[in-house]
Amino acid sequence: MDLLLRDRTVAVDAALFDLDGTLVHSLGDFAVALGALMDELDLPRLDAGDVAPLLGKGVDHLVHTVLVRVVGEQQAAELFPRARPIYWRHYVAVNGRHSEVYAGVREGLHRLRAGGVQLACVTNKPMAFARPLLQAMGLDTHFPVISAGDSHPRMKPDPLPLLATCGRLGVAPARALMVGDSTNDSVAARAAGCPVALMRYGYNHGVPVDHVDCDAALDDLNELFGHPAGPASFPPQENRA
């Protein structure tokens, strides 16, 4: 299927999708689970707007970074072994309850599949979180292949998850479009040899994706088919939680 990336078309056989900030606006789940963690540790909470730039590098990075922000490096290292399972328990309890699918995603996925494009989800989220979230959002039927943060020895921005997923799908990386929302996705795609489109509404560590190396920056997934962007799906990031 030919897709529009900026002012050129690219033939693709597969599309590899990041999850948080790309398919699903899930900041609310993270904020609630982290808030419950901090309450249990008797520590001050971070605002949701402060959490958003920390997303995308996996559970351990998120929990450790939040602890460092609140108590400093040394105490964070001491608290982390206790905090990780607490966060895991709270996140499982709220996974999908404070999330929603971004506008344009469902239509875009249907159109890709109708065009013969194979779909896979490539996320740094653990499989125990990723699969239930896709199910809760009604997106699981689109993604028979899921590459999670614990599916391989290395996560994005390493290219391994993308290359392994292309191998499972039987497609060349050059014909597999990576769709994400962050520098992680861009770096992984470039190293794997995949074209990459980034969604402007995502998290990307607080940096606009227009400043990131990518083949297209999109407001709506359906721009891949030549449609103009519709109204913004969400208010500015700091007001999203």
C-alpha atoms as a PDB file:
ATOM      1  CA  MET A   1       0.000   0.000   0.000  1.00  0.00           C
ATOM      2  CA  ASP A   2       1.262   3.482  -0.826  1.00  0.00           C
ATOM      3  CA  LEU A   3       1.208   5.953   2.080  1.00  0.00           C
ATOM      4  CA  LEU A   4       1.881   9.678   2.095  1.00  0.00           C
ATOM      5  CA  LEU A   5       4.884  10.845   4.097  1.00  0.00           C
ATOM      6  CA  ARG A   6       5.170  14.614   3.771  1.00  0.00           C
ATOM      7  CA  ASP A   7       5.398  15.210   0.016  1.00  0.00           C
ATOM      8  CA  ARG A   8       6.279  11.694  -1.117  1.00  0.00           C
ATOM      9  CA  THR A   9       4.614   8.306  -1.193  1.00  0.00           C
ATOM     10  CA  VAL A  10       6.175   5.208   0.340  1.00  0.00           C
ATOM     11  CA  ALA A  11       5.145   1.622  -0.402  1.00  0.00           C
ATOM     12  CA  VAL A  12       4.683  -0.388   2.785  1.00  0.00           C
ATOM     13  CA  ASP A  13       3.735  -3.968   3.563  1.00  0.00           C
ATOM     14  CA  ALA A  14       3.536  -3.494   7.338  1.00  0.00           C
ATOM     15  CA  ALA A  15       3.013  -0.783   9.943  1.00  0.00           C
ATOM     16  CA  LEU A  16       4.601  -1.076  13.391  1.00  0.00           C
ATOM     17  CA  PHE A  17       2.802   0.965  16.056  1.00  0.00           C
ATOM     18  CA  ASP A  18       4.008   2.264  19.372  1.00  0.00           C
ATOM     19  CA  LEU A  19       1.268   2.120  22.025  1.00  0.00           C
ATOM     20  CA  ASP A  20       1.303   4.886  24.680  1.00  0.00           C
ATOM     21  CA  GLY A  21       1.054   8.337  23.105  1.00  0.00           C
ATOM     22  CA  THR A  22       0.525   6.858  19.630  1.00  0.00           C
ATOM     23  CA  LEU A  23      -2.535   4.611  19.709  1.00  0.00           C
ATOM     24  CA  VAL A  24      -3.768   5.361  23.219  1.00  0.00           C
ATOM     25  CA  HIS A  25      -3.755   8.466  25.407  1.00  0.00           C
ATOM     26  CA  SER A  26      -2.820   6.629  28.614  1.00  0.00           C
ATOM     27  CA  LEU A  27      -1.281   9.377  30.741  1.00  0.00           C
ATOM     28  CA  GLY A  28      -4.169   9.135  33.211  1.00  0.00           C
ATOM     29  CA  ASP A  29      -3.362   5.502  34.020  1.00  0.00           C
ATOM     30  CA  PHE A  30       0.286   6.326  34.657  1.00  0.00           C
ATOM     31  CA  ALA A  31      -0.575   9.318  36.815  1.00  0.00           C
ATOM     32  CA  VAL A  32      -3.069   7.409  38.953  1.00  0.00           C
ATOM     33  CA  ALA A  33      -0.772   4.406  39.451  1.00  0.00           C
ATOM     34  CA  LEU A  34       2.206   6.606  40.295  1.00  0.00           C
ATOM     35  CA  GLY A  35       0.071   8.664  42.666  1.00  0.00           C
ATOM     36  CA  ALA A  36      -0.987   5.494  44.496  1.00  0.00           C
ATOM     37  CA  LEU A  37       2.654   4.398  44.669  1.00  0.00           C
ATOM     38  CA  MET A  38       3.752   7.695  46.167  1.00  0.00           C
ATOM     39  CA  ASP A  39       0.893   7.623  48.666  1.00  0.00           C
ATOM     40  CA  GLU A  40       1.903   4.142  49.769  1.00  0.00           C
ATOM     41  CA  LEU A  41       5.516   5.279  50.186  1.00  0.00           C
ATOM     42  CA  ASP A  42       4.325   8.434  51.968  1.00  0.00           C
ATOM     43  CA  LEU A  43       6.019  10.647  49.371  1.00  0.00           C
ATOM     44  CA  PRO A  44       4.696  13.710  47.491  1.00  0.00           C
ATOM     45  CA  ARG A  45       2.987  13.089  44.156  1.00  0.00           C
ATOM     46  CA  LEU A  46       4.126  14.458  40.806  1.00  0.00           C
ATOM     47  CA  ASP A  47       1.638  16.352  38.655  1.00  0.00           C
ATOM     48  CA  ALA A  48       0.469  14.513  35.532  1.00  0.00           C
ATOM     49  CA  GLY A  49       2.166  17.181  33.416  1.00  0.00           C
ATOM     50  CA  ASP A  50       5.479  16.270  35.040  1.00  0.00           C
ATOM     51  CA  VAL A  51       4.890  12.554  34.417  1.00  0.00           C
ATOM     52  CA  ALA A  52       4.230  12.810  30.665  1.00  0.00           C
ATOM     53  CA  PRO A  53       7.835  13.630  29.616  1.00  0.00           C
ATOM     54  CA  LEU A  54       9.080  10.589  31.566  1.00  0.00           C
ATOM     55  CA  LEU A  55       7.065   8.046  29.581  1.00  0.00           C
ATOM     56  CA  GLY A  56       8.333   5.761  26.852  1.00  0.00           C
ATOM     57  CA  LYS A  57      11.432   4.098  28.284  1.00  0.00           C
ATOM     58  CA  GLY A  58       9.850   1.271  30.235  1.00  0.00           C
ATOM     59  CA  VAL A  59       8.535   0.633  33.739  1.00  0.00           C
ATOM     60  CA  ASP A  60      11.868   0.554  35.548  1.00  0.00           C
ATOM     61  CA  HIS A  61      13.010   3.846  34.056  1.00  0.00           C
ATOM     62  CA  LEU A  62       9.705   5.507  34.912  1.00  0.00           C
ATOM     63  CA  VAL A  63       9.603   4.386  38.535  1.00  0.00           C
ATOM     64  CA  HIS A  64      13.282   5.125  39.140  1.00  0.00           C
ATOM     65  CA  THR A  65      13.104   8.551  37.517  1.00  0.00           C
ATOM     66  CA  VAL A  66      10.036   9.548  39.528  1.00  0.00           C
ATOM     67  CA  LEU A  67      11.771   8.500  42.734  1.00  0.00           C
ATOM     68  CA  VAL A  68      14.894  10.473  41.801  1.00  0.00           C
ATOM     69  CA  ARG A  69      12.771  13.559  41.171  1.00  0.00           C
ATOM     70  CA  VAL A  70      11.219  13.289  44.637  1.00  0.00           C
ATOM     71  CA  VAL A  71      13.939  11.922  46.952  1.00  0.00           C
ATOM     72  CA  GLY A  72      17.222  12.116  45.039  1.00  0.00           C
ATOM     73  CA  GLU A  73      19.498   9.520  43.472  1.00  0.00           C
ATOM     74  CA  GLN A  74      20.763   7.724  46.561  1.00  0.00           C
ATOM     75  CA  GLN A  75      17.410   7.242  48.287  1.00  0.00           C
ATOM     76  CA  ALA A  76      15.782   6.363  44.964  1.00  0.00           C
ATOM     77  CA  ALA A  77      18.232   3.482  44.518  1.00  0.00           C
ATOM     78  CA  GLU A  78      17.372   2.237  48.003  1.00  0.00           C
ATOM     79  CA  LEU A  79      13.608   2.557  47.489  1.00  0.00           C
ATOM     80  CA  PHE A  80      13.395   1.145  43.973  1.00  0.00           C
ATOM     81  CA  PRO A  81      13.287  -2.606  44.843  1.00  0.00           C
ATOM     82  CA  ARG A  82      10.318  -1.910  47.126  1.00  0.00           C
ATOM     83  CA  ALA A  83       8.639   0.608  44.835  1.00  0.00           C
ATOM     84  CA  ARG A  84       8.665  -1.414  41.600  1.00  0.00           C
ATOM     85  CA  PRO A  85       6.242  -4.173  42.676  1.00  0.00           C
ATOM     86  CA  ILE A  86       3.996  -1.619  44.376  1.00  0.00           C
ATOM     87  CA  TYR A  87       3.751   0.384  41.148  1.00  0.00           C
ATOM     88  CA  TRP A  88       3.166  -2.803  39.160  1.00  0.00           C
ATOM     89  CA  ARG A  89       0.243  -3.758  41.441  1.00  0.00           C
ATOM     90  CA  HIS A  90      -1.380  -0.339  41.177  1.00  0.00           C
ATOM     91  CA  TYR A  91      -0.903  -0.099  37.413  1.00  0.00           C
ATOM     92  CA  VAL A  92      -2.493  -3.499  36.809  1.00  0.00           C
ATOM     93  CA  ALA A  93      -5.497  -2.321  38.833  1.00  0.00           C
ATOM     94  CA  VAL A  94      -6.059   0.835  36.742  1.00  0.00           C
ATOM     95  CA  ASN A  95      -4.738  -0.228  33.316  1.00  0.00           C
ATOM     96  CA  GLY A  96      -7.121   1.182  30.696  1.00  0.00           C
ATOM     97  CA  ARG A  97      -9.499   2.831  33.144  1.00  0.00           C
ATOM     98  CA  HIS A  98      -8.204   6.347  32.517  1.00  0.00           C
ATOM     99  CA  SER A  99      -7.182   5.888  28.876  1.00  0.00           C
ATOM    100  CA  GLU A 100      -8.795   6.505  25.508  1.00  0.00           C
ATOM    101  CA  VAL A 101      -7.969   5.827  21.886  1.00  0.00           C
ATOM    102  CA  TYR A 102      -6.809   8.902  20.005  1.00  0.00           C
ATOM    103  CA  ALA A 103      -9.154  10.325  17.390  1.00  0.00           C
ATOM    104  CA  GLY A 104      -8.506   8.920  13.915  1.00  0.00           C
ATOM    105  CA  VAL A 105      -6.725   5.781  15.138  1.00  0.00           C
ATOM    106  CA  ARG A 106      -9.557   3.289  14.693  1.00  0.00           C
ATOM    107  CA  GLU A 107     -10.365   4.537  11.197  1.00  0.00           C
ATOM    108  CA  GLY A 108      -6.693   4.573  10.238  1.00  0.00           C
ATOM    109  CA  LEU A 109      -6.099   1.019  11.432  1.00  0.00           C
ATOM    110  CA  HIS A 110      -9.137  -0.239   9.519  1.00  0.00           C
ATOM    111  CA  ARG A 111      -7.941   1.496   6.355  1.00  0.00           C
ATOM    112  CA  LEU A 112      -4.440   0.064   6.668  1.00  0.00           C
ATOM    113  CA  ARG A 113      -5.776  -3.455   7.091  1.00  0.00           C
ATOM    114  CA  ALA A 114      -8.189  -2.980   4.199  1.00  0.00           C
ATOM    115  CA  GLY A 115      -5.183  -2.006   2.083  1.00  0.00           C
ATOM    116  CA  GLY A 116      -3.406  -5.250   2.909  1.00  0.00           C
ATOM    117  CA  VAL A 117      -0.954  -3.755   5.414  1.00  0.00           C
ATOM    118  CA  GLN A 118       0.085  -6.074   8.248  1.00  0.00           C
ATOM    119  CA  LEU A 119      -0.045  -4.465  11.693  1.00  0.00           C
ATOM    120  CA  ALA A 120       2.081  -5.022  14.784  1.00  0.00           C
ATOM    121  CA  CYS A 121       2.424  -3.213  18.095  1.00  0.00           C
ATOM    122  CA  VAL A 122       6.008  -2.490  19.155  1.00  0.00           C
ATOM    123  CA  THR A 123       6.067  -0.968  22.626  1.00  0.00           C
ATOM    124  CA  ASN A 124       8.396  -0.667  25.599  1.00  0.00           C
ATOM    125  CA  LYS A 125       5.435  -1.467  27.849  1.00  0.00           C
ATOM    126  CA  PRO A 126       5.669  -4.947  29.471  1.00  0.00           C
ATOM    127  CA  MET A 127       3.456  -7.564  27.855  1.00  0.00           C
ATOM    128  CA  ALA A 128       1.475  -7.880  31.104  1.00  0.00           C
ATOM    129  CA  PHE A 129       0.442  -4.235  30.613  1.00  0.00           C
ATOM    130  CA  ALA A 130       0.385  -3.964  26.812  1.00  0.00           C
ATOM    131  CA  ARG A 131      -1.964  -6.795  25.891  1.00  0.00           C
ATOM    132  CA  PRO A 132      -4.636  -5.923  28.492  1.00  0.00           C
ATOM    133  CA  LEU A 133      -4.539  -2.254  27.454  1.00  0.00           C
ATOM    134  CA  LEU A 134      -5.065  -3.134  23.792  1.00  0.00           C
ATOM    135  CA  GLN A 135      -7.937  -5.413  24.834  1.00  0.00           C
ATOM    136  CA  ALA A 136      -9.499  -2.753  27.063  1.00  0.00           C
ATOM    137  CA  MET A 137      -9.367  -0.248  24.208  1.00  0.00           C
ATOM    138  CA  GLY A 138     -10.811  -2.716  21.691  1.00  0.00           C
ATOM    139  CA  LEU A 139      -7.658  -2.611  19.567  1.00  0.00           C
ATOM    140  CA  ASP A 140      -6.346  -6.120  20.176  1.00  0.00           C
ATOM    141  CA  THR A 141      -7.917  -7.617  17.034  1.00  0.00           C
ATOM    142  CA  HIS A 142      -5.789  -5.276  14.922  1.00  0.00           C
ATOM    143  CA  PHE A 143      -2.528  -6.539  16.407  1.00  0.00           C
ATOM    144  CA  PRO A 144      -1.924 -10.290  16.134  1.00  0.00           C
ATOM    145  CA  VAL A 145       1.765  -9.531  16.711  1.00  0.00           C
ATOM    146  CA  ILE A 146       2.851  -7.626  19.838  1.00  0.00           C
ATOM    147  CA  SER A 147       6.476  -6.869  20.648  1.00  0.00           C
ATOM    148  CA  ALA A 148       6.593  -5.711  24.262  1.00  0.00           C
ATOM    149  CA  GLY A 149       9.301  -4.255  26.454  1.00  0.00           C
ATOM    150  CA  ASP A 150      10.104  -7.685  27.866  1.00  0.00           C
ATOM    151  CA  SER A 151       9.857  -9.595  24.564  1.00  0.00           C
ATOM    152  CA  HIS A 152      13.510  -9.024  23.647  1.00  0.00           C
ATOM    153  CA  PRO A 153      16.837  -8.463  25.423  1.00  0.00           C
ATOM    154  CA  ARG A 154      16.772  -4.778  24.407  1.00  0.00           C
ATOM    155  CA  MET A 155      14.017  -2.176  24.050  1.00  0.00           C
ATOM    156  CA  LYS A 156      13.600   0.820  21.758  1.00  0.00           C
ATOM    157  CA  PRO A 157      15.589   2.943  20.904  1.00  0.00           C
ATOM    158  CA  ASP A 158      17.558  -0.212  20.072  1.00  0.00           C
ATOM    159  CA  PRO A 159      16.421  -1.480  16.639  1.00  0.00           C
ATOM    160  CA  LEU A 160      16.129  -5.102  17.819  1.00  0.00           C
ATOM    161  CA  PRO A 161      12.362  -5.043  18.541  1.00  0.00           C
ATOM    162  CA  LEU A 162      11.625  -3.575  15.100  1.00  0.00           C
ATOM    163  CA  LEU A 163      13.910  -5.977  13.268  1.00  0.00           C
ATOM    164  CA  ALA A 164      12.548  -8.976  15.147  1.00  0.00           C
ATOM    165  CA  THR A 165       8.976  -7.892  14.411  1.00  0.00           C
ATOM    166  CA  CYS A 166       9.722  -7.442  10.727  1.00  0.00           C
ATOM    167  CA  GLY A 167      11.141 -10.952  10.775  1.00  0.00           C
ATOM    168  CA  ARG A 168       7.961 -12.334  12.338  1.00  0.00           C
ATOM    169  CA  LEU A 169       5.862 -10.555   9.725  1.00  0.00           C
ATOM    170  CA  GLY A 170       8.127 -11.624   6.867  1.00  0.00           C
ATOM    171  CA  VAL A 171       8.621  -8.074   5.584  1.00  0.00           C
ATOM    172  CA  ALA A 172      11.726  -6.051   4.768  1.00  0.00           C
ATOM    173  CA  PRO A 173      12.382  -3.190   7.238  1.00  0.00           C
ATOM    174  CA  ALA A 174      12.404  -0.702   4.359  1.00  0.00           C
ATOM    175  CA  ARG A 175       8.751  -1.611   3.723  1.00  0.00           C
ATOM    176  CA  ALA A 176       7.671  -1.468   7.372  1.00  0.00           C
ATOM    177  CA  LEU A 177       6.508   1.957   8.572  1.00  0.00           C
ATOM    178  CA  MET A 178       7.184   2.715  12.232  1.00  0.00           C
ATOM    179  CA  VAL A 179       4.440   4.921  13.694  1.00  0.00           C
ATOM    180  CA  GLY A 180       5.324   6.400  17.083  1.00  0.00           C
ATOM    181  CA  ASP A 181       5.400   9.555  19.134  1.00  0.00           C
ATOM    182  CA  SER A 182       8.979   9.877  20.346  1.00  0.00           C
ATOM    183  CA  THR A 183      12.683  10.052  19.711  1.00  0.00           C
ATOM    184  CA  ASN A 184      12.845   6.425  20.879  1.00  0.00           C
ATOM    185  CA  ASP A 185      10.718   5.409  17.897  1.00  0.00           C
ATOM    186  CA  SER A 186      12.682   7.560  15.470  1.00  0.00           C
ATOM    187  CA  VAL A 187      16.112   6.334  16.578  1.00  0.00           C
ATOM    188  CA  ALA A 188      14.992   2.699  16.531  1.00  0.00           C
ATOM    189  CA  ALA A 189      13.422   3.079  13.086  1.00  0.00           C
ATOM    190  CA  ARG A 190      16.446   4.787  11.569  1.00  0.00           C
ATOM    191  CA  ALA A 191      18.775   2.098  12.931  1.00  0.00           C
ATOM    192  CA  ALA A 192      16.474  -0.653  11.655  1.00  0.00           C
ATOM    193  CA  GLY A 193      16.094   0.944   8.208  1.00  0.00           C
ATOM    194  CA  CYS A 194      12.354   1.601   8.580  1.00  0.00           C
ATOM    195  CA  PRO A 195      10.575   4.788   7.485  1.00  0.00           C
ATOM    196  CA  VAL A 196       9.055   6.563  10.481  1.00  0.00           C
ATOM    197  CA  ALA A 197       6.070   8.829  11.136  1.00  0.00           C
ATOM    198  CA  LEU A 198       5.551  10.519  14.507  1.00  0.00           C
ATOM    199  CA  MET A 199       2.290  11.710  16.053  1.00  0.00           C
ATOM    200  CA  ARG A 200       2.347  15.281  17.347  1.00  0.00           C
ATOM    201  CA  TYR A 201      -0.179  14.603  20.111  1.00  0.00           C
ATOM    202  CA  GLY A 202       2.074  12.130  21.961  1.00  0.00           C
ATOM    203  CA  TYR A 203       4.494  12.502  24.845  1.00  0.00           C
ATOM    204  CA  ASN A 204       8.079  12.516  23.420  1.00  0.00           C
ATOM    205  CA  HIS A 205       9.770  13.547  26.655  1.00  0.00           C
ATOM    206  CA  GLY A 206       8.277  17.044  26.391  1.00  0.00           C
ATOM    207  CA  VAL A 207       9.893  17.876  23.016  1.00  0.00           C
ATOM    208  CA  PRO A 208       7.775  18.602  19.888  1.00  0.00           C
ATOM    209  CA  VAL A 209       8.249  15.847  17.304  1.00  0.00           C
ATOM    210  CA  ASP A 210       8.647  18.434  14.543  1.00  0.00           C
ATOM    211  CA  HIS A 211      12.196  18.790  15.878  1.00  0.00           C
ATOM    212  CA  VAL A 212      12.839  15.026  15.683  1.00  0.00           C
ATOM    213  CA  ASP A 213      14.307  13.205  12.685  1.00  0.00           C
ATOM    214  CA  CYS A 214      11.299  11.571  10.983  1.00  0.00           C
ATOM    215  CA  ASP A 215       9.702  11.177   7.577  1.00  0.00           C
ATOM    216  CA  ALA A 216       6.425  12.782   8.663  1.00  0.00           C
ATOM    217  CA  ALA A 217       4.928  14.484  11.714  1.00  0.00           C
ATOM    218  CA  LEU A 218       1.171  13.875  11.879  1.00  0.00           C
ATOM    219  CA  ASP A 219      -1.796  15.256  13.783  1.00  0.00           C
ATOM    220  CA  ASP A 220      -4.071  12.431  12.655  1.00  0.00           C
ATOM    221  CA  LEU A 221      -3.197   8.933  11.446  1.00  0.00           C
ATOM    222  CA  ASN A 222      -5.411   9.406   8.393  1.00  0.00           C
ATOM    223  CA  GLU A 223      -2.989  11.969   7.000  1.00  0.00           C
ATOM    224  CA  LEU A 224      -1.087   8.910   5.771  1.00  0.00           C
ATOM    225  CA  PHE A 225      -3.841   8.554   3.178  1.00  0.00           C
ATOM    226  CA  GLY A 226      -3.665  12.182   2.096  1.00  0.00           C
ATOM    227  CA  HIS A 227      -6.413  13.515   4.349  1.00  0.00           C
ATOM    228  CA  PRO A 228      -5.874  16.898   5.977  1.00  0.00           C
ATOM    229  CA  ALA A 229      -5.631  16.925   9.758  1.00  0.00           C
ATOM    230  CA  GLY A 230      -8.909  17.289  11.627  1.00  0.00           C
ATOM    231  CA  PRO A 231      -9.442  19.216  14.867  1.00  0.00           C
ATOM    232  CA  ALA A 232      -6.957  18.522  17.646  1.00  0.00           C
ATOM    233  CA  SER A 233      -7.971  15.449  19.654  1.00  0.00           C
ATOM    234  CA  PHE A 234      -6.824  16.842  23.000  1.00  0.00           C
ATOM    235  CA  PRO A 235      -5.988  20.146  24.624  1.00  0.00           C
ATOM    236  CA  PRO A 236      -2.332  21.055  25.191  1.00  0.00           C
ATOM    237  CA  GLN A 237      -0.345  18.361  26.961  1.00  0.00           C
ATOM    238  CA  GLU A 238      -0.196  19.968  30.376  1.00  0.00           C
ATOM    239  CA  ASN A 239      -4.004  19.898  30.548  1.00  0.00           C
ATOM    240  CA  ARG A 240      -4.491  16.314  29.428  1.00  0.00           C
ATOM    241  CA  ALA A 241      -4.639  14.269  32.607  1.00  0.00           C
END
